[in-house]
Amino acid sequence: MSKIKKGDQVIVISGASKGLTGRVLAVLRDENRVIVEGVNRVKKHVKAGQTNRGSKTGGIETVEAPIHVSNVMVVDPETKKGTRIGIRTEEVEVNGRTKTMRVRVAKKSGKDL
């Protein structure tokens, strides 16, 4: 089970974007990196092209670049500060059968994520 998932609210704890918060747009597991909305924005030069209607595309765009997963922390829903993540197991009854479910928990407040 991954600690940080797509859609999580995270805060950057080191690097040029330190202190900024944003939502995780994508998790790149093979590279141990995440793309966070509004964080680590870089200029990208896009080759000029043409659409079917004849309008021009391309130019210089600003996009989010991936940052290493160790440089972000999940935001605690209660304190609105960075927190570590733990996993709690629960016994849940579904259709008369008991299943073991794993739930992500904020270490600071104990709230579910």
N, C-alpha and C. Protein backbone atom coordinates (compact mmCIF):
# COMPACT_ATOMS: atom_id res chain seq x y z
N MET A 1 0.84 -1.18 0.00
CA MET A 1 0.00 0.00 0.00
C MET A 1 0.88 1.24 0.00
N SER A 2 0.65 2.12 -0.95
CA SER A 2 1.46 3.33 -1.09
C SER A 2 1.06 4.36 -0.04
N LYS A 3 2.04 5.10 0.45
CA LYS A 3 1.75 6.11 1.47
C LYS A 3 1.04 7.32 0.87
N ILE A 4 1.48 7.76 -0.31
CA ILE A 4 0.88 8.93 -0.95
C ILE A 4 0.15 8.47 -2.20
N LYS A 5 -1.08 8.95 -2.34
CA LYS A 5 -1.92 8.53 -3.45
C LYS A 5 -2.42 9.74 -4.22
N LYS A 6 -2.90 9.48 -5.42
CA LYS A 6 -3.48 10.52 -6.25
C LYS A 6 -4.67 11.14 -5.53
N GLY A 7 -4.73 12.47 -5.51
CA GLY A 7 -5.84 13.17 -4.85
C GLY A 7 -5.53 13.61 -3.44
N ASP A 8 -4.43 13.15 -2.85
CA ASP A 8 -4.06 13.56 -1.49
C ASP A 8 -3.63 15.02 -1.47
N GLN A 9 -3.93 15.71 -0.38
CA GLN A 9 -3.44 17.07 -0.15
C GLN A 9 -2.08 16.95 0.52
N VAL A 10 -1.03 17.51 -0.11
CA VAL A 10 0.32 17.39 0.43
C VAL A 10 0.97 18.76 0.59
N ILE A 11 2.01 18.80 1.44
CA ILE A 11 2.80 20.01 1.62
C ILE A 11 4.24 19.65 1.28
N VAL A 12 4.94 20.57 0.60
CA VAL A 12 6.33 20.35 0.22
C VAL A 12 7.20 20.72 1.42
N ILE A 13 8.09 19.80 1.84
CA ILE A 13 8.89 20.03 3.05
C ILE A 13 10.33 20.40 2.75
N SER A 14 10.77 20.29 1.48
CA SER A 14 12.12 20.72 1.14
C SER A 14 12.19 21.04 -0.34
N GLY A 15 13.19 21.83 -0.70
CA GLY A 15 13.39 22.21 -2.09
C GLY A 15 12.96 23.64 -2.36
N ALA A 16 12.96 24.01 -3.62
CA ALA A 16 12.64 25.38 -4.01
C ALA A 16 11.19 25.75 -3.73
N SER A 17 10.31 24.77 -3.74
CA SER A 17 8.87 25.02 -3.51
C SER A 17 8.46 24.75 -2.07
N LYS A 18 9.41 24.81 -1.14
CA LYS A 18 9.14 24.48 0.27
C LYS A 18 8.00 25.33 0.83
N GLY A 19 7.08 24.66 1.53
CA GLY A 19 5.97 25.36 2.17
C GLY A 19 4.70 25.40 1.34
N LEU A 20 4.78 25.12 0.04
CA LEU A 20 3.60 25.15 -0.80
C LEU A 20 2.78 23.88 -0.60
N THR A 21 1.47 24.02 -0.72
CA THR A 21 0.59 22.86 -0.63
C THR A 21 -0.14 22.69 -1.95
N GLY A 22 -0.56 21.47 -2.23
CA GLY A 22 -1.31 21.19 -3.44
C GLY A 22 -1.81 19.77 -3.43
N ARG A 23 -2.64 19.47 -4.42
CA ARG A 23 -3.22 18.14 -4.56
C ARG A 23 -2.35 17.31 -5.49
N VAL A 24 -2.17 16.03 -5.18
CA VAL A 24 -1.36 15.14 -6.01
C VAL A 24 -2.13 14.81 -7.29
N LEU A 25 -1.52 15.13 -8.44
CA LEU A 25 -2.15 14.86 -9.73
C LEU A 25 -1.80 13.47 -10.25
N ALA A 26 -0.57 13.03 -9.96
CA ALA A 26 -0.13 11.72 -10.44
C ALA A 26 0.99 11.20 -9.55
N VAL A 27 1.08 9.87 -9.44
CA VAL A 27 2.16 9.22 -8.70
C VAL A 27 2.94 8.38 -9.69
N LEU A 28 4.24 8.65 -9.81
CA LEU A 28 5.12 7.90 -10.71
C LEU A 28 5.89 6.90 -9.85
N ARG A 29 5.34 5.71 -9.70
CA ARG A 29 5.90 4.71 -8.78
C ARG A 29 7.30 4.25 -9.16
N ASP A 30 7.56 4.05 -10.44
CA ASP A 30 8.86 3.54 -10.88
C ASP A 30 9.98 4.52 -10.56
N GLU A 31 9.67 5.81 -10.58
CA GLU A 31 10.67 6.86 -10.36
C GLU A 31 10.63 7.42 -8.95
N ASN A 32 9.71 6.96 -8.09
CA ASN A 32 9.52 7.48 -6.73
C ASN A 32 9.27 8.98 -6.74
N ARG A 33 8.42 9.43 -7.63
CA ARG A 33 8.12 10.86 -7.76
C ARG A 33 6.62 11.08 -7.82
N VAL A 34 6.22 12.31 -7.49
CA VAL A 34 4.82 12.71 -7.57
C VAL A 34 4.72 14.03 -8.31
N ILE A 35 3.59 14.26 -8.96
CA ILE A 35 3.31 15.54 -9.60
C ILE A 35 2.24 16.21 -8.75
N VAL A 36 2.58 17.41 -8.24
CA VAL A 36 1.68 18.14 -7.33
C VAL A 36 1.19 19.40 -8.03
N GLU A 37 -0.11 19.65 -7.91
CA GLU A 37 -0.73 20.79 -8.55
C GLU A 37 -0.17 22.11 -8.02
N GLY A 38 0.35 22.95 -8.91
CA GLY A 38 0.86 24.27 -8.55
C GLY A 38 2.24 24.28 -7.93
N VAL A 39 2.94 23.15 -7.92
CA VAL A 39 4.26 23.05 -7.28
C VAL A 39 5.28 22.63 -8.34
N ASN A 40 6.50 23.20 -8.26
CA ASN A 40 7.60 22.86 -9.17
C ASN A 40 7.21 23.10 -10.62
N ARG A 41 6.70 24.30 -10.90
CA ARG A 41 6.27 24.64 -12.26
C ARG A 41 7.47 25.02 -13.11
N VAL A 42 7.52 24.47 -14.32
CA VAL A 42 8.62 24.72 -15.25
C VAL A 42 8.04 25.12 -16.61
N LYS A 43 8.87 25.82 -17.40
CA LYS A 43 8.47 26.22 -18.75
C LYS A 43 8.78 25.07 -19.71
N LYS A 44 7.84 24.75 -20.57
CA LYS A 44 8.03 23.68 -21.53
C LYS A 44 7.77 24.24 -22.93
N HIS A 45 8.73 24.03 -23.82
CA HIS A 45 8.59 24.51 -25.20
C HIS A 45 7.90 23.43 -26.02
N VAL A 46 6.74 23.79 -26.60
CA VAL A 46 5.94 22.84 -27.36
C VAL A 46 6.05 23.19 -28.83
N LYS A 47 6.35 22.17 -29.64
CA LYS A 47 6.52 22.38 -31.08
C LYS A 47 5.23 22.90 -31.70
N ALA A 48 5.36 23.85 -32.61
CA ALA A 48 4.20 24.45 -33.28
C ALA A 48 3.52 23.42 -34.15
N GLY A 49 2.21 23.46 -34.14
CA GLY A 49 1.43 22.54 -34.96
C GLY A 49 0.15 23.22 -35.39
N GLN A 50 -0.74 22.44 -35.96
CA GLN A 50 -1.99 23.00 -36.45
C GLN A 50 -3.11 22.00 -36.19
N THR A 51 -4.25 22.50 -35.73
CA THR A 51 -5.39 21.63 -35.48
C THR A 51 -6.20 21.46 -36.76
N ASN A 52 -7.25 20.65 -36.70
CA ASN A 52 -8.09 20.41 -37.88
C ASN A 52 -8.78 21.68 -38.35
N ARG A 53 -9.08 22.57 -37.43
CA ARG A 53 -9.79 23.80 -37.79
C ARG A 53 -8.85 24.89 -38.29
N GLY A 54 -7.55 24.65 -38.19
CA GLY A 54 -6.60 25.61 -38.73
C GLY A 54 -5.97 26.52 -37.69
N SER A 55 -6.33 26.36 -36.42
CA SER A 55 -5.73 27.21 -35.39
C SER A 55 -4.33 26.70 -35.05
N LYS A 56 -3.47 27.60 -34.67
CA LYS A 56 -2.08 27.25 -34.36
C LYS A 56 -1.98 26.77 -32.92
N THR A 57 -1.09 25.80 -32.70
CA THR A 57 -0.80 25.31 -31.35
C THR A 57 0.69 25.47 -31.10
N GLY A 58 1.10 25.19 -29.89
CA GLY A 58 2.53 25.27 -29.57
C GLY A 58 2.86 26.55 -28.84
N GLY A 59 4.15 26.72 -28.58
CA GLY A 59 4.62 27.88 -27.83
C GLY A 59 5.24 27.45 -26.53
N ILE A 60 5.24 28.35 -25.56
CA ILE A 60 5.83 28.07 -24.26
C ILE A 60 4.69 27.87 -23.26
N GLU A 61 4.66 26.69 -22.65
CA GLU A 61 3.64 26.37 -21.65
C GLU A 61 4.29 26.21 -20.29
N THR A 62 3.55 26.47 -19.23
CA THR A 62 4.01 26.24 -17.87
C THR A 62 3.32 25.00 -17.34
N VAL A 63 4.12 23.98 -16.96
CA VAL A 63 3.56 22.72 -16.47
C VAL A 63 4.23 22.33 -15.16
N GLU A 64 3.60 21.43 -14.42
CA GLU A 64 4.17 20.93 -13.18
C GLU A 64 5.14 19.80 -13.49
N ALA A 65 6.33 19.87 -12.90
CA ALA A 65 7.33 18.81 -13.06
C ALA A 65 7.26 17.90 -11.83
N PRO A 66 7.66 16.64 -11.97
CA PRO A 66 7.61 15.74 -10.82
C PRO A 66 8.66 16.09 -9.77
N ILE A 67 8.32 15.85 -8.50
CA ILE A 67 9.27 16.02 -7.41
C ILE A 67 9.35 14.69 -6.65
N HIS A 68 10.44 14.50 -5.94
CA HIS A 68 10.66 13.24 -5.24
C HIS A 68 9.66 13.09 -4.11
N VAL A 69 9.21 11.86 -3.91
CA VAL A 69 8.17 11.58 -2.92
C VAL A 69 8.65 11.89 -1.50
N SER A 70 9.96 11.86 -1.25
CA SER A 70 10.47 12.14 0.09
C SER A 70 10.40 13.63 0.43
N ASN A 71 10.14 14.48 -0.56
CA ASN A 71 10.08 15.91 -0.32
C ASN A 71 8.66 16.41 -0.04
N VAL A 72 7.69 15.52 0.06
CA VAL A 72 6.31 15.92 0.37
C VAL A 72 5.79 15.13 1.55
N MET A 73 4.83 15.73 2.26
CA MET A 73 4.14 15.09 3.39
C MET A 73 2.65 15.31 3.22
N VAL A 74 1.88 14.31 3.60
CA VAL A 74 0.43 14.44 3.55
C VAL A 74 -0.03 15.43 4.62
N VAL A 75 -1.00 16.27 4.28
CA VAL A 75 -1.53 17.26 5.21
C VAL A 75 -2.57 16.60 6.11
N ASP A 76 -2.41 16.80 7.42
CA ASP A 76 -3.35 16.26 8.40
C ASP A 76 -4.69 17.00 8.24
N PRO A 77 -5.81 16.28 8.14
CA PRO A 77 -7.10 16.95 7.95
C PRO A 77 -7.52 17.82 9.14
N GLU A 78 -7.00 17.54 10.32
CA GLU A 78 -7.40 18.30 11.50
C GLU A 78 -6.51 19.51 11.76
N THR A 79 -5.19 19.32 11.74
CA THR A 79 -4.27 20.41 12.08
C THR A 79 -3.80 21.20 10.87
N LYS A 80 -4.04 20.71 9.67
CA LYS A 80 -3.62 21.36 8.41
C LYS A 80 -2.11 21.50 8.31
N LYS A 81 -1.37 20.61 8.98
CA LYS A 81 0.09 20.57 8.89
C LYS A 81 0.51 19.20 8.40
N GLY A 82 1.78 19.06 8.04
CA GLY A 82 2.28 17.79 7.55
C GLY A 82 2.26 16.71 8.62
N THR A 83 1.99 15.48 8.22
CA THR A 83 1.94 14.37 9.15
C THR A 83 2.44 13.10 8.48
N ARG A 84 2.88 12.17 9.30
CA ARG A 84 3.24 10.86 8.79
C ARG A 84 1.97 10.03 8.68
N ILE A 85 2.09 8.92 7.96
CA ILE A 85 0.93 8.09 7.71
C ILE A 85 1.14 6.71 8.29
N GLY A 86 0.14 6.20 8.99
CA GLY A 86 0.16 4.85 9.51
C GLY A 86 -0.96 4.05 8.87
N ILE A 87 -0.94 2.76 9.08
CA ILE A 87 -1.98 1.89 8.54
C ILE A 87 -2.62 1.11 9.67
N ARG A 88 -3.95 1.18 9.76
CA ARG A 88 -4.71 0.46 10.78
C ARG A 88 -5.54 -0.61 10.07
N THR A 89 -5.58 -1.80 10.65
CA THR A 89 -6.39 -2.86 10.07
C THR A 89 -7.70 -2.97 10.83
N GLU A 90 -8.77 -3.18 10.08
CA GLU A 90 -10.10 -3.31 10.67
C GLU A 90 -10.77 -4.56 10.13
N GLU A 91 -11.57 -5.17 10.97
CA GLU A 91 -12.39 -6.30 10.54
C GLU A 91 -13.74 -5.74 10.11
N VAL A 92 -14.09 -5.95 8.84
CA VAL A 92 -15.34 -5.42 8.29
C VAL A 92 -16.17 -6.59 7.77
N GLU A 93 -17.46 -6.58 8.07
CA GLU A 93 -18.34 -7.64 7.62
C GLU A 93 -19.03 -7.21 6.33
N VAL A 94 -18.80 -7.99 5.25
CA VAL A 94 -19.41 -7.70 3.96
C VAL A 94 -20.11 -8.96 3.48
N ASN A 95 -21.42 -8.87 3.26
CA ASN A 95 -22.24 -10.00 2.80
C ASN A 95 -22.09 -11.23 3.70
N GLY A 96 -22.03 -11.02 5.00
CA GLY A 96 -21.93 -12.12 5.95
C GLY A 96 -20.53 -12.68 6.12
N ARG A 97 -19.55 -12.13 5.44
CA ARG A 97 -18.16 -12.60 5.57
C ARG A 97 -17.31 -11.47 6.15
N THR A 98 -16.36 -11.83 7.00
CA THR A 98 -15.48 -10.81 7.57
C THR A 98 -14.25 -10.64 6.69
N LYS A 99 -13.92 -9.39 6.43
CA LYS A 99 -12.75 -9.05 5.63
C LYS A 99 -11.85 -8.15 6.45
N THR A 100 -10.55 -8.24 6.20
CA THR A 100 -9.61 -7.35 6.85
C THR A 100 -9.33 -6.19 5.91
N MET A 101 -9.65 -4.98 6.35
CA MET A 101 -9.45 -3.77 5.55
C MET A 101 -8.30 -2.98 6.14
N ARG A 102 -7.47 -2.40 5.27
CA ARG A 102 -6.40 -1.52 5.73
C ARG A 102 -6.81 -0.09 5.49
N VAL A 103 -6.67 0.75 6.52
CA VAL A 103 -7.08 2.14 6.46
C VAL A 103 -5.87 3.03 6.73
N ARG A 104 -5.68 4.05 5.89
CA ARG A 104 -4.58 5.00 6.14
C ARG A 104 -5.00 5.98 7.22
N VAL A 105 -4.08 6.24 8.16
CA VAL A 105 -4.38 7.06 9.33
C VAL A 105 -3.30 8.11 9.50
N ALA A 106 -3.69 9.35 9.83
CA ALA A 106 -2.72 10.41 10.14
C ALA A 106 -2.16 10.15 11.53
N LYS A 107 -0.82 10.17 11.66
CA LYS A 107 -0.18 9.85 12.94
C LYS A 107 -0.42 10.94 13.98
N LYS A 108 -0.48 12.22 13.57
CA LYS A 108 -0.63 13.32 14.53
C LYS A 108 -1.99 13.31 15.21
N SER A 109 -3.05 13.20 14.41
CA SER A 109 -4.40 13.32 14.99
C SER A 109 -5.13 11.99 15.11
N GLY A 110 -4.68 10.98 14.38
CA GLY A 110 -5.36 9.69 14.40
C GLY A 110 -6.57 9.62 13.49
N LYS A 111 -6.80 10.66 12.71
CA LYS A 111 -7.95 10.70 11.79
C LYS A 111 -7.68 9.86 10.54
N ASP A 112 -8.73 9.30 9.95
CA ASP A 112 -8.61 8.54 8.71
C ASP A 112 -8.35 9.49 7.54
N LEU A 113 -7.59 9.00 6.57
CA LEU A 113 -7.33 9.79 5.37
C LEU A 113 -8.13 9.27 4.21
